[in-house]
Amino acid sequence: LLKKLSQEQRKACTCPGPGLPGYWREYLYFFNETSMKCQHFVGANEGCNRFTSYKECHDSCYVPFNRK
């Protein structure tokens, strides 16, 4: 079972980014309370305020958001 993320972690879920193994990249993710998964905002522009859709992140998203 997945451990419950803290409020701070839910605000900034981090998933492994593309590149060399062991390297992590932070994206704009949020914790979906309904699906209990981290999800990625996809909007009209980078760092946008309005999000038109999102794509679900894989399960390894469940790590402390500040892991590098």
PDB file of N, CA and C in Angstrom:
ATOM      1  N   LEU A   1       0.837  -1.200   0.000  1.00  0.00           N
ATOM      2  CA  LEU A   1       0.000   0.000   0.000  1.00  0.00           C
ATOM      3  C   LEU A   1       0.871   1.248   0.000  1.00  0.00           C
ATOM      4  N   LEU A   2       0.384   2.276  -0.677  1.00  0.00           N
ATOM      5  CA  LEU A   2       1.131   3.530  -0.768  1.00  0.00           C
ATOM      6  C   LEU A   2       0.922   4.338   0.500  1.00  0.00           C
ATOM      7  N   LYS A   3       1.997   4.870   1.010  1.00  0.00           N
ATOM      8  CA  LYS A   3       1.868   5.688   2.211  1.00  0.00           C
ATOM      9  C   LYS A   3       1.249   7.034   1.857  1.00  0.00           C
ATOM     10  N   LYS A   4       0.534   7.576   2.799  1.00  0.00           N
ATOM     11  CA  LYS A   4      -0.131   8.851   2.561  1.00  0.00           C
ATOM     12  C   LYS A   4       0.900   9.972   2.514  1.00  0.00           C
ATOM     13  N   LEU A   5       0.817  10.802   1.508  1.00  0.00           N
ATOM     14  CA  LEU A   5       1.771  11.906   1.363  1.00  0.00           C
ATOM     15  C   LEU A   5       1.380  13.061   2.271  1.00  0.00           C
ATOM     16  N   SER A   6       2.381  13.766   2.741  1.00  0.00           N
ATOM     17  CA  SER A   6       2.108  14.933   3.563  1.00  0.00           C
ATOM     18  C   SER A   6       1.492  16.027   2.688  1.00  0.00           C
ATOM     19  N   GLN A   7       0.909  17.020   3.330  1.00  0.00           N
ATOM     20  CA  GLN A   7       0.258  18.108   2.599  1.00  0.00           C
ATOM     21  C   GLN A   7       1.255  18.806   1.677  1.00  0.00           C
ATOM     22  N   GLU A   8       2.490  18.987   2.160  1.00  0.00           N
ATOM     23  CA  GLU A   8       3.499  19.678   1.365  1.00  0.00           C
ATOM     24  C   GLU A   8       3.897  18.830   0.162  1.00  0.00           C
ATOM     25  N   GLN A   9       4.007  17.528   0.363  1.00  0.00           N
ATOM     26  CA  GLN A   9       4.391  16.644  -0.724  1.00  0.00           C
ATOM     27  C   GLN A   9       3.303  16.587  -1.791  1.00  0.00           C
ATOM     28  N   ARG A  10       2.064  16.668  -1.368  1.00  0.00           N
ATOM     29  CA  ARG A  10       0.968  16.618  -2.338  1.00  0.00           C
ATOM     30  C   ARG A  10       0.996  17.821  -3.267  1.00  0.00           C
ATOM     31  N   LYS A  11       1.470  18.945  -2.728  1.00  0.00           N
ATOM     32  CA  LYS A  11       1.502  20.172  -3.521  1.00  0.00           C
ATOM     33  C   LYS A  11       2.597  20.133  -4.578  1.00  0.00           C
ATOM     34  N   ALA A  12       3.626  19.334  -4.327  1.00  0.00           N
ATOM     35  CA  ALA A  12       4.758  19.326  -5.258  1.00  0.00           C
ATOM     36  C   ALA A  12       5.286  17.914  -5.440  1.00  0.00           C
ATOM     37  N   CYS A  13       4.468  17.046  -5.994  1.00  0.00           N
ATOM     38  CA  CYS A  13       4.909  15.682  -6.252  1.00  0.00           C
ATOM     39  C   CYS A  13       6.028  15.705  -7.293  1.00  0.00           C
ATOM     40  N   THR A  14       7.002  14.859  -7.102  1.00  0.00           N
ATOM     41  CA  THR A  14       8.117  14.811  -8.036  1.00  0.00           C
ATOM     42  C   THR A  14       8.213  13.427  -8.657  1.00  0.00           C
ATOM     43  N   CYS A  15       8.420  13.387  -9.943  1.00  0.00           N
ATOM     44  CA  CYS A  15       8.598  12.127 -10.634  1.00  0.00           C
ATOM     45  C   CYS A  15       9.963  12.111 -11.307  1.00  0.00           C
ATOM     46  N   PRO A  16      10.521  10.923 -11.531  1.00  0.00           N
ATOM     47  CA  PRO A  16      11.812  10.849 -12.202  1.00  0.00           C
ATOM     48  C   PRO A  16      11.727  11.423 -13.609  1.00  0.00           C
ATOM     49  N   GLY A  17      12.670  12.277 -13.946  1.00  0.00           N
ATOM     50  CA  GLY A  17      12.675  12.880 -15.264  1.00  0.00           C
ATOM     51  C   GLY A  17      13.507  12.072 -16.230  1.00  0.00           C
ATOM     52  N   PRO A  18      13.440  12.393 -17.503  1.00  0.00           N
ATOM     53  CA  PRO A  18      14.248  11.697 -18.504  1.00  0.00           C
ATOM     54  C   PRO A  18      15.729  11.987 -18.298  1.00  0.00           C
ATOM     55  N   GLY A  19      16.560  11.062 -18.689  1.00  0.00           N
ATOM     56  CA  GLY A  19      17.993  11.311 -18.556  1.00  0.00           C
ATOM     57  C   GLY A  19      18.701  10.170 -17.872  1.00  0.00           C
ATOM     58  N   LEU A  20      19.846  10.464 -17.284  1.00  0.00           N
ATOM     59  CA  LEU A  20      20.660   9.437 -16.666  1.00  0.00           C
ATOM     60  C   LEU A  20      19.982   8.850 -15.433  1.00  0.00           C
ATOM     61  N   PRO A  21      20.176   7.557 -15.193  1.00  0.00           N
ATOM     62  CA  PRO A  21      19.619   6.914 -13.999  1.00  0.00           C
ATOM     63  C   PRO A  21      20.120   7.614 -12.736  1.00  0.00           C
ATOM     64  N   GLY A  22      19.245   7.778 -11.767  1.00  0.00           N
ATOM     65  CA  GLY A  22      19.645   8.402 -10.514  1.00  0.00           C
ATOM     66  C   GLY A  22      19.436   9.901 -10.502  1.00  0.00           C
ATOM     67  N   TYR A  23      19.122  10.472 -11.653  1.00  0.00           N
ATOM     68  CA  TYR A  23      18.861  11.912 -11.699  1.00  0.00           C
ATOM     69  C   TYR A  23      17.361  12.175 -11.712  1.00  0.00           C
ATOM     70  N   TRP A  24      16.957  13.169 -10.963  1.00  0.00           N
ATOM     71  CA  TRP A  24      15.530  13.481 -10.860  1.00  0.00           C
ATOM     72  C   TRP A  24      15.285  14.914 -11.322  1.00  0.00           C
ATOM     73  N   ARG A  25      14.130  15.096 -11.903  1.00  0.00           N
ATOM     74  CA  ARG A  25      13.748  16.435 -12.345  1.00  0.00           C
ATOM     75  C   ARG A  25      12.349  16.753 -11.822  1.00  0.00           C
ATOM     76  N   GLU A  26      12.184  17.941 -11.315  1.00  0.00           N
ATOM     77  CA  GLU A  26      10.879  18.310 -10.759  1.00  0.00           C
ATOM     78  C   GLU A  26       9.983  18.904 -11.833  1.00  0.00           C
ATOM     79  N   TYR A  27       8.743  18.448 -11.846  1.00  0.00           N
ATOM     80  CA  TYR A  27       7.765  18.964 -12.795  1.00  0.00           C
ATOM     81  C   TYR A  27       6.599  19.580 -12.028  1.00  0.00           C
ATOM     82  N   LEU A  28       5.678  20.148 -12.758  1.00  0.00           N
ATOM     83  CA  LEU A  28       4.461  20.667 -12.133  1.00  0.00           C
ATOM     84  C   LEU A  28       3.484  19.516 -11.921  1.00  0.00           C
ATOM     85  N   TYR A  29       3.548  18.913 -10.750  1.00  0.00           N
ATOM     86  CA  TYR A  29       2.633  17.829 -10.435  1.00  0.00           C
ATOM     87  C   TYR A  29       1.734  18.223  -9.284  1.00  0.00           C
ATOM     88  N   PHE A  30       0.589  17.583  -9.208  1.00  0.00           N
ATOM     89  CA  PHE A  30      -0.269  17.785  -8.060  1.00  0.00           C
ATOM     90  C   PHE A  30      -0.782  16.422  -7.600  1.00  0.00           C
ATOM     91  N   PHE A  31      -1.223  16.347  -6.353  1.00  0.00           N
ATOM     92  CA  PHE A  31      -1.724  15.091  -5.821  1.00  0.00           C
ATOM     93  C   PHE A  31      -3.234  15.048  -5.977  1.00  0.00           C
ATOM     94  N   ASN A  32      -3.710  14.080  -6.766  1.00  0.00           N
ATOM     95  CA  ASN A  32      -5.140  13.954  -7.012  1.00  0.00           C
ATOM     96  C   ASN A  32      -5.771  13.163  -5.877  1.00  0.00           C
ATOM     97  N   GLU A  33      -6.608  13.825  -5.089  1.00  0.00           N
ATOM     98  CA  GLU A  33      -7.209  13.184  -3.928  1.00  0.00           C
ATOM     99  C   GLU A  33      -8.144  12.048  -4.330  1.00  0.00           C
ATOM    100  N   THR A  34      -8.754  12.164  -5.502  1.00  0.00           N
ATOM    101  CA  THR A  34      -9.717  11.167  -5.948  1.00  0.00           C
ATOM    102  C   THR A  34      -9.032   9.880  -6.392  1.00  0.00           C
ATOM    103  N   SER A  35      -8.022  10.013  -7.239  1.00  0.00           N
ATOM    104  CA  SER A  35      -7.335   8.834  -7.769  1.00  0.00           C
ATOM    105  C   SER A  35      -6.185   8.409  -6.862  1.00  0.00           C
ATOM    106  N   MET A  36      -5.845   9.266  -5.875  1.00  0.00           N
ATOM    107  CA  MET A  36      -4.729   9.002  -4.967  1.00  0.00           C
ATOM    108  C   MET A  36      -3.424   8.838  -5.737  1.00  0.00           C
ATOM    109  N   LYS A  37      -3.269   9.601  -6.802  1.00  0.00           N
ATOM    110  CA  LYS A  37      -2.056   9.543  -7.602  1.00  0.00           C
ATOM    111  C   LYS A  37      -1.537  10.945  -7.880  1.00  0.00           C
ATOM    112  N   CYS A  38      -0.247  11.033  -8.163  1.00  0.00           N
ATOM    113  CA  CYS A  38       0.317  12.298  -8.602  1.00  0.00           C
ATOM    114  C   CYS A  38      -0.049  12.479 -10.071  1.00  0.00           C
ATOM    115  N   GLN A  39      -0.397  13.687 -10.448  1.00  0.00           N
ATOM    116  CA  GLN A  39      -0.739  13.946 -11.830  1.00  0.00           C
ATOM    117  C   GLN A  39      -0.044  15.205 -12.311  1.00  0.00           C
ATOM    118  N   HIS A  40       0.186  15.254 -13.624  1.00  0.00           N
ATOM    119  CA  HIS A  40       0.975  16.319 -14.223  1.00  0.00           C
ATOM    120  C   HIS A  40       0.081  17.322 -14.929  1.00  0.00           C
ATOM    121  N   PHE A  41       0.229  18.588 -14.565  1.00  0.00           N
ATOM    122  CA  PHE A  41      -0.534  19.645 -15.238  1.00  0.00           C
ATOM    123  C   PHE A  41      -0.020  19.851 -16.662  1.00  0.00           C
ATOM    124  N   VAL A  42      -0.936  19.955 -17.622  1.00  0.00           N
ATOM    125  CA  VAL A  42      -0.559  20.297 -18.985  1.00  0.00           C
ATOM    126  C   VAL A  42      -1.450  21.455 -19.419  1.00  0.00           C
ATOM    127  N   GLY A  43      -0.820  22.588 -19.695  1.00  0.00           N
ATOM    128  CA  GLY A  43      -1.606  23.764 -20.034  1.00  0.00           C
ATOM    129  C   GLY A  43      -1.172  24.399 -21.335  1.00  0.00           C
ATOM    130  N   ALA A  44      -1.688  25.589 -21.588  1.00  0.00           N
ATOM    131  CA  ALA A  44      -1.404  26.285 -22.840  1.00  0.00           C
ATOM    132  C   ALA A  44       0.049  26.739 -22.909  1.00  0.00           C
ATOM    133  N   ASN A  45       0.606  27.079 -21.740  1.00  0.00           N
ATOM    134  CA  ASN A  45       1.994  27.529 -21.737  1.00  0.00           C
ATOM    135  C   ASN A  45       2.700  27.043 -20.487  1.00  0.00           C
ATOM    136  N   GLU A  46       4.011  27.131 -20.491  1.00  0.00           N
ATOM    137  CA  GLU A  46       4.799  26.652 -19.357  1.00  0.00           C
ATOM    138  C   GLU A  46       4.538  27.499 -18.120  1.00  0.00           C
ATOM    139  N   GLY A  47       4.332  26.815 -16.993  1.00  0.00           N
ATOM    140  CA  GLY A  47       4.092  27.549 -15.756  1.00  0.00           C
ATOM    141  C   GLY A  47       2.770  28.282 -15.783  1.00  0.00           C
ATOM    142  N   CYS A  48       1.850  27.759 -16.564  1.00  0.00           N
ATOM    143  CA  CYS A  48       0.575  28.453 -16.773  1.00  0.00           C
ATOM    144  C   CYS A  48      -0.286  28.445 -15.515  1.00  0.00           C
ATOM    145  N   ASN A  49      -1.185  29.369 -15.426  1.00  0.00           N
ATOM    146  CA  ASN A  49      -2.100  29.447 -14.299  1.00  0.00           C
ATOM    147  C   ASN A  49      -3.357  28.631 -14.556  1.00  0.00           C
ATOM    148  N   ARG A  50      -3.706  28.477 -15.810  1.00  0.00           N
ATOM    149  CA  ARG A  50      -4.883  27.687 -16.149  1.00  0.00           C
ATOM    150  C   ARG A  50      -4.433  26.386 -16.788  1.00  0.00           C
ATOM    151  N   PHE A  51      -4.990  25.281 -16.299  1.00  0.00           N
ATOM    152  CA  PHE A  51      -4.589  23.985 -16.810  1.00  0.00           C
ATOM    153  C   PHE A  51      -5.751  23.363 -17.571  1.00  0.00           C
ATOM    154  N   THR A  52      -5.492  22.992 -18.814  1.00  0.00           N
ATOM    155  CA  THR A  52      -6.566  22.490 -19.657  1.00  0.00           C
ATOM    156  C   THR A  52      -6.707  20.981 -19.555  1.00  0.00           C
ATOM    157  N   SER A  53      -5.639  20.310 -19.197  1.00  0.00           N
ATOM    158  CA  SER A  53      -5.684  18.860 -19.094  1.00  0.00           C
ATOM    159  C   SER A  53      -4.487  18.383 -18.290  1.00  0.00           C
ATOM    160  N   TYR A  54      -4.446  17.105 -17.989  1.00  0.00           N
ATOM    161  CA  TYR A  54      -3.275  16.571 -17.310  1.00  0.00           C
ATOM    162  C   TYR A  54      -3.072  15.127 -17.712  1.00  0.00           C
ATOM    163  N   LYS A  55      -1.850  14.664 -17.546  1.00  0.00           N
ATOM    164  CA  LYS A  55      -1.573  13.271 -17.811  1.00  0.00           C
ATOM    165  C   LYS A  55      -1.145  12.618 -16.509  1.00  0.00           C
ATOM    166  N   GLU A  56      -1.580  11.393 -16.310  1.00  0.00           N
ATOM    167  CA  GLU A  56      -1.283  10.743 -15.045  1.00  0.00           C
ATOM    168  C   GLU A  56       0.176  10.324 -14.998  1.00  0.00           C
ATOM    169  N   CYS A  57       0.759  10.456 -13.813  1.00  0.00           N
ATOM    170  CA  CYS A  57       2.154  10.095 -13.640  1.00  0.00           C
ATOM    171  C   CYS A  57       2.237   8.655 -13.148  1.00  0.00           C
ATOM    172  N   HIS A  58       3.380   7.998 -13.378  1.00  0.00           N
ATOM    173  CA  HIS A  58       3.511   6.621 -12.934  1.00  0.00           C
ATOM    174  C   HIS A  58       3.744   6.544 -11.432  1.00  0.00           C
ATOM    175  N   ASP A  59       3.643   5.324 -10.899  1.00  0.00           N
ATOM    176  CA  ASP A  59       3.618   5.136  -9.458  1.00  0.00           C
ATOM    177  C   ASP A  59       4.881   5.586  -8.741  1.00  0.00           C
ATOM    178  N   SER A  60       6.005   5.647  -9.428  1.00  0.00           N
ATOM    179  CA  SER A  60       7.236   6.063  -8.766  1.00  0.00           C
ATOM    180  C   SER A  60       7.184   7.540  -8.407  1.00  0.00           C
ATOM    181  N   CYS A  61       6.066   8.183  -8.728  1.00  0.00           N
ATOM    182  CA  CYS A  61       5.857   9.562  -8.324  1.00  0.00           C
ATOM    183  C   CYS A  61       5.716   9.652  -6.808  1.00  0.00           C
ATOM    184  N   TYR A  62       5.423   8.528  -6.175  1.00  0.00           N
ATOM    185  CA  TYR A  62       5.219   8.542  -4.734  1.00  0.00           C
ATOM    186  C   TYR A  62       6.539   8.538  -3.982  1.00  0.00           C
ATOM    187  N   VAL A  63       7.284   9.624  -4.095  1.00  0.00           N
ATOM    188  CA  VAL A  63       8.530   9.802  -3.351  1.00  0.00           C
ATOM    189  C   VAL A  63       8.507  11.216  -2.799  1.00  0.00           C
ATOM    190  N   PRO A  64       9.300  11.491  -1.775  1.00  0.00           N
ATOM    191  CA  PRO A  64       9.350  12.858  -1.251  1.00  0.00           C
ATOM    192  C   PRO A  64       9.606  13.861  -2.372  1.00  0.00           C
ATOM    193  N   PHE A  65       8.861  14.957  -2.392  1.00  0.00           N
ATOM    194  CA  PHE A  65       8.910  15.883  -3.511  1.00  0.00           C
ATOM    195  C   PHE A  65      10.263  16.545  -3.648  1.00  0.00           C
ATOM    196  N   ASN A  66      11.049  16.569  -2.589  1.00  0.00           N
ATOM    197  CA  ASN A  66      12.314  17.297  -2.653  1.00  0.00           C
ATOM    198  C   ASN A  66      13.491  16.381  -2.959  1.00  0.00           C
ATOM    199  N   ARG A  67      13.239  15.134  -3.336  1.00  0.00           N
ATOM    200  CA  ARG A  67      14.355  14.244  -3.646  1.00  0.00           C
ATOM    201  C   ARG A  67      15.039  14.704  -4.928  1.00  0.00           C
ATOM    202  N   LYS A  68      16.366  14.733  -4.895  1.00  0.00           N
ATOM    203  CA  LYS A  68      17.100  15.175  -6.086  1.00  0.00           C
ATOM    204  C   LYS A  68      17.697  13.980  -6.802  1.00  0.00           C
TER     205      LYS A  68
END
